[in-house]
């Protein structure tokens, strides 16, 4: 699988993650395929005000070589034709927002299963904050009081998500005592390692290879098991 997980932030250091997305999409056995026009589908967490963030994504990825773009709204009952168009993209980008609202509508629209198959077939799947969290085994940490939870206004009770990698992704991590303590406590409740990733940083997964770009702290069973600090 080819996955890129963004913590968030409008920071210049995200440019390495944008480049990683495009580089993964360019990987191919033929020169013709490597030079083709790349297509990116943008999936916002909610249709309200989505056009603002969609056009920001267009500017970022066009600067990195993507030429074709499509926006798909999970909460607007996407048609089979729209879903087919999205799944034929080189890259699918899951935006940030409210984790529970996003997961509910990805599940109800059938997109969650489509996205899982897309990733397992080798399509490049990128996610920002909630979008990255939904790619993990569970979104339970988004409901944890100590971690500054999202509002669960949709009443979601099943937090199971795509399960594309064997750890939990915690965006917007700050290496301050309060945040560290909250992550240590949460890590006692889950069987998965928890990657606390700072804004402007992220994780790139290419098959069996995983690379942290920027700053991340890994928590497991109430302990810090590793810290990564890479320069730009």
Protein backbone atom coordinates (compact mmCIF):
# COMPACT_ATOMS: atom_id res chain seq x y z
CA UNK A 1 0.00 0.00 0.00
CA UNK A 2 0.97 3.60 -0.57
CA UNK A 3 -0.26 5.87 2.23
CA UNK A 4 0.59 9.38 3.41
CA UNK A 5 -0.63 10.58 6.82
CA UNK A 6 -0.63 14.32 7.56
CA UNK A 7 -0.95 15.69 11.06
CA UNK A 8 -2.06 19.10 9.84
CA UNK A 9 -1.09 22.75 9.99
CA UNK A 10 -0.54 25.20 7.18
CA UNK A 11 3.19 24.85 7.63
CA UNK A 12 5.83 24.90 4.93
CA UNK A 13 7.19 21.60 6.20
CA UNK A 14 4.12 19.88 4.74
CA UNK A 15 5.68 20.33 1.31
CA UNK A 16 7.69 17.13 1.82
CA UNK A 17 4.47 15.23 2.39
CA UNK A 18 2.93 16.72 -0.77
CA UNK A 19 6.01 15.63 -2.69
CA UNK A 20 5.81 12.15 -1.18
CA UNK A 21 2.19 11.79 -2.34
CA UNK A 22 3.10 12.67 -5.91
CA UNK A 23 6.28 10.56 -5.87
CA UNK A 24 4.32 7.49 -4.79
CA UNK A 25 1.82 8.09 -7.58
CA UNK A 26 4.65 8.32 -10.12
CA UNK A 27 6.07 4.94 -9.18
CA UNK A 28 5.41 2.64 -12.09
CA UNK A 29 7.01 -0.01 -14.24
CA UNK A 30 6.71 2.01 -17.44
CA UNK A 31 8.09 5.40 -18.40
CA UNK A 32 4.82 6.26 -20.12
CA UNK A 33 2.85 5.70 -16.92
CA UNK A 34 5.42 7.60 -14.87
CA UNK A 35 4.95 10.67 -17.10
CA UNK A 36 1.15 10.59 -17.40
CA UNK A 37 -1.12 13.34 -16.11
CA UNK A 38 -1.96 12.53 -12.52
CA UNK A 39 -5.50 12.75 -11.16
CA UNK A 40 -6.38 13.53 -7.53
CA UNK A 41 -9.79 13.10 -5.90
CA UNK A 42 -10.41 15.29 -2.88
CA UNK A 43 -12.95 14.06 -0.30
CA UNK A 44 -13.91 16.70 2.30
CA UNK A 45 -15.31 15.67 5.66
CA UNK A 46 -18.40 17.81 4.97
CA UNK A 47 -19.78 19.58 1.90
CA UNK A 48 -20.20 22.92 3.75
CA UNK A 49 -17.43 25.34 2.73
CA UNK A 50 -15.59 22.45 1.07
CA UNK A 51 -14.82 24.45 -2.07
CA UNK A 52 -12.46 26.74 -0.13
CA UNK A 53 -10.28 23.86 1.04
CA UNK A 54 -10.63 21.98 -2.24
CA UNK A 55 -9.15 24.90 -4.16
CA UNK A 56 -6.32 25.18 -1.64
CA UNK A 57 -5.54 21.51 -2.27
CA UNK A 58 -5.59 22.13 -6.02
CA UNK A 59 -3.01 24.91 -5.65
CA UNK A 60 -0.74 22.77 -3.46
CA UNK A 61 -0.82 19.65 -5.60
CA UNK A 62 -0.79 21.43 -8.96
CA UNK A 63 2.50 22.98 -7.83
CA UNK A 64 3.78 19.43 -7.35
CA UNK A 65 2.69 18.11 -10.75
CA UNK A 66 -0.91 16.92 -10.38
CA UNK A 67 -3.02 18.14 -13.32
CA UNK A 68 -6.53 16.76 -12.91
CA UNK A 69 -8.82 17.13 -9.90
CA UNK A 70 -12.19 15.84 -8.76
CA UNK A 71 -14.15 16.55 -5.57
CA UNK A 72 -16.41 13.88 -4.05
CA UNK A 73 -18.80 14.60 -1.16
CA UNK A 74 -19.37 11.60 1.10
CA UNK A 75 -22.29 13.30 2.85
CA UNK A 76 -24.19 14.06 -0.38
CA UNK A 77 -25.12 10.51 -1.40
CA UNK A 78 -22.49 10.11 -4.14
CA UNK A 79 -23.64 8.23 -7.22
CA UNK A 80 -22.05 5.03 -8.52
CA UNK A 81 -20.62 7.03 -11.42
CA UNK A 82 -19.02 9.56 -9.05
CA UNK A 83 -17.54 6.82 -6.91
CA UNK A 84 -16.20 5.07 -10.03
CA UNK A 85 -14.53 8.31 -11.15
CA UNK A 86 -12.92 8.72 -7.74
CA UNK A 87 -11.62 5.17 -7.62
CA UNK A 88 -9.97 5.59 -11.02
CA UNK A 89 -7.81 8.43 -9.64
CA UNK A 90 -4.10 8.08 -8.99
CA UNK A 91 -4.46 9.79 -5.61
CA UNK A 92 -7.34 10.11 -3.16
CA UNK A 93 -7.01 12.73 -0.44
CA UNK A 94 -9.17 12.56 2.70
CA UNK A 95 -9.46 15.99 4.28
CA UNK A 96 -9.51 16.90 7.96
CA UNK A 97 -12.54 17.81 10.03
CA UNK A 98 -14.88 16.08 12.45
CA UNK A 99 -13.79 12.44 12.67
CA UNK A 100 -17.19 11.02 13.60
CA UNK A 101 -19.22 12.89 11.00
CA UNK A 102 -16.68 11.91 8.34
CA UNK A 103 -16.54 8.24 9.35
CA UNK A 104 -20.34 7.97 9.54
CA UNK A 105 -20.83 9.25 6.00
CA UNK A 106 -17.91 7.34 4.51
CA UNK A 107 -19.44 4.20 5.97
CA UNK A 108 -23.06 4.93 4.97
CA UNK A 109 -22.13 5.90 1.41
CA UNK A 110 -20.14 2.70 0.95
CA UNK A 111 -16.98 4.73 0.35
CA UNK A 112 -15.13 3.23 3.30
CA UNK A 113 -14.98 -0.19 1.63
CA UNK A 114 -14.14 1.34 -1.74
CA UNK A 115 -11.28 3.31 -0.19
CA UNK A 116 -9.91 0.23 1.56
CA UNK A 117 -9.88 -1.67 -1.75
CA UNK A 118 -8.34 1.33 -3.54
CA UNK A 119 -5.45 1.39 -1.07
CA UNK A 120 -4.91 -2.37 -1.12
CA UNK A 121 -4.75 -2.33 -4.92
CA UNK A 122 -1.93 0.22 -4.81
CA UNK A 123 -3.70 3.55 -5.22
CA UNK A 124 -2.15 6.40 -3.25
CA UNK A 125 -4.34 7.28 -0.28
CA UNK A 126 -3.50 10.41 1.70
CA UNK A 127 -5.26 11.73 4.78
CA UNK A 128 -5.08 14.91 6.83
CA UNK A 129 -5.82 14.74 10.56
CA UNK A 130 -9.27 13.06 10.74
CA UNK A 131 -8.69 11.71 7.23
CA UNK A 132 -5.49 9.99 8.40
CA UNK A 133 -7.08 8.81 11.64
CA UNK A 134 -9.85 7.07 9.67
CA UNK A 135 -7.19 5.02 7.87
CA UNK A 136 -6.11 3.48 11.20
CA UNK A 137 -7.72 0.48 12.96
CA UNK A 138 -9.93 2.63 15.21
CA UNK A 139 -10.92 6.25 15.74
CA UNK A 140 -11.44 5.74 19.48
CA UNK A 141 -8.76 8.25 20.43
CA UNK A 142 -10.85 11.00 18.83
CA UNK A 143 -13.42 10.28 21.56
CA UNK A 144 -10.95 10.26 24.46
CA UNK A 145 -11.57 13.10 26.91
CA UNK A 146 -7.90 13.63 27.69
CA UNK A 147 -6.95 14.07 24.05
CA UNK A 148 -9.35 16.93 23.29
CA UNK A 149 -12.04 14.87 21.57
CA UNK A 150 -14.10 15.75 18.51
CA UNK A 151 -17.79 16.40 19.07
CA UNK A 152 -19.69 13.19 18.39
CA UNK A 153 -22.90 14.94 17.33
CA UNK A 154 -23.86 12.07 15.03
CA UNK A 155 -23.91 9.63 17.94
CA UNK A 156 -21.41 7.22 16.39
CA UNK A 157 -20.78 4.19 18.61
CA UNK A 158 -18.75 1.97 16.29
CA UNK A 159 -15.27 3.49 16.02
CA UNK A 160 -13.82 0.80 13.78
CA UNK A 161 -12.21 2.30 10.69
CA UNK A 162 -10.16 1.12 7.71
CA UNK A 163 -7.35 -0.67 9.53
CA UNK A 164 -4.73 -0.09 6.85
CA UNK A 165 -1.83 -0.09 9.34
CA UNK A 166 -1.32 -1.58 12.83
CA UNK A 167 -1.08 1.59 14.92
CA UNK A 168 -3.18 4.58 15.92
CA UNK A 169 -2.48 8.01 14.48
CA UNK A 170 -2.85 11.01 16.78
CA UNK A 171 -2.60 14.33 14.88
CA UNK A 172 -1.81 17.78 16.32
CA UNK A 173 0.41 16.34 19.05
CA UNK A 174 2.35 18.84 21.18
CA UNK A 175 5.33 17.51 23.20
CA UNK A 176 4.18 19.33 26.35
CA UNK A 177 3.67 17.62 29.73
CA UNK A 178 -0.15 17.72 29.58
CA UNK A 179 -0.30 16.23 26.07
CA UNK A 180 2.35 13.63 26.85
CA UNK A 181 0.47 12.54 29.98
CA UNK A 182 -2.81 12.25 28.06
CA UNK A 183 -1.15 10.06 25.42
CA UNK A 184 0.55 7.89 28.04
CA UNK A 185 -2.83 7.33 29.70
CA UNK A 186 -4.61 6.59 26.43
CA UNK A 187 -1.90 4.15 25.36
CA UNK A 188 -2.80 1.97 28.37
CA UNK A 189 -6.32 1.52 26.95
CA UNK A 190 -5.40 0.31 23.48
CA UNK A 191 -3.46 -2.66 22.15
CA UNK A 192 -2.00 -0.55 19.34
CA UNK A 193 1.06 1.72 19.46
CA UNK A 194 -0.02 5.38 19.32
CA UNK A 195 1.91 7.77 17.07
CA UNK A 196 1.61 11.34 18.34
CA UNK A 197 2.51 13.42 15.28
CA UNK A 198 3.19 17.14 15.41
CA UNK A 199 1.71 19.59 12.92
CA UNK A 200 3.83 19.97 9.82
CA UNK A 201 4.88 16.32 10.16
CA UNK A 202 3.55 13.04 8.89
CA UNK A 203 4.13 9.40 8.02
CA UNK A 204 4.74 7.85 4.60
CA UNK A 205 4.03 4.15 4.08
CA UNK A 206 5.27 2.50 0.91
CA UNK A 207 4.66 -1.22 1.11
CA UNK A 208 6.61 -2.52 4.10
CA UNK A 209 8.65 0.68 4.42
CA UNK A 210 7.46 3.39 6.82
CA UNK A 211 9.11 6.81 7.13
CA UNK A 212 8.36 9.59 9.61
CA UNK A 213 8.85 13.04 8.12
CA UNK A 214 9.22 15.57 10.92
CA UNK A 215 8.40 14.98 14.57
CA UNK A 216 6.60 12.02 16.13
CA UNK A 217 6.47 10.35 19.54
CA UNK A 218 5.36 6.73 19.89
CA UNK A 219 3.45 5.61 22.98
CA UNK A 220 2.67 2.00 23.91
CA UNK A 221 1.26 0.46 27.07
CA UNK A 222 1.84 3.57 29.16
CA UNK A 223 5.39 4.28 27.97
CA UNK A 224 7.20 6.36 25.37
CA UNK A 225 8.89 3.78 23.17
CA UNK A 226 10.49 6.08 20.60
CA UNK A 227 10.83 9.67 19.44
CA UNK A 228 11.68 10.93 15.96
CA UNK A 229 12.95 14.39 15.17
CA UNK A 230 14.03 14.98 11.59
CA UNK A 231 15.08 18.31 10.09
CA UNK A 232 13.53 19.75 6.94
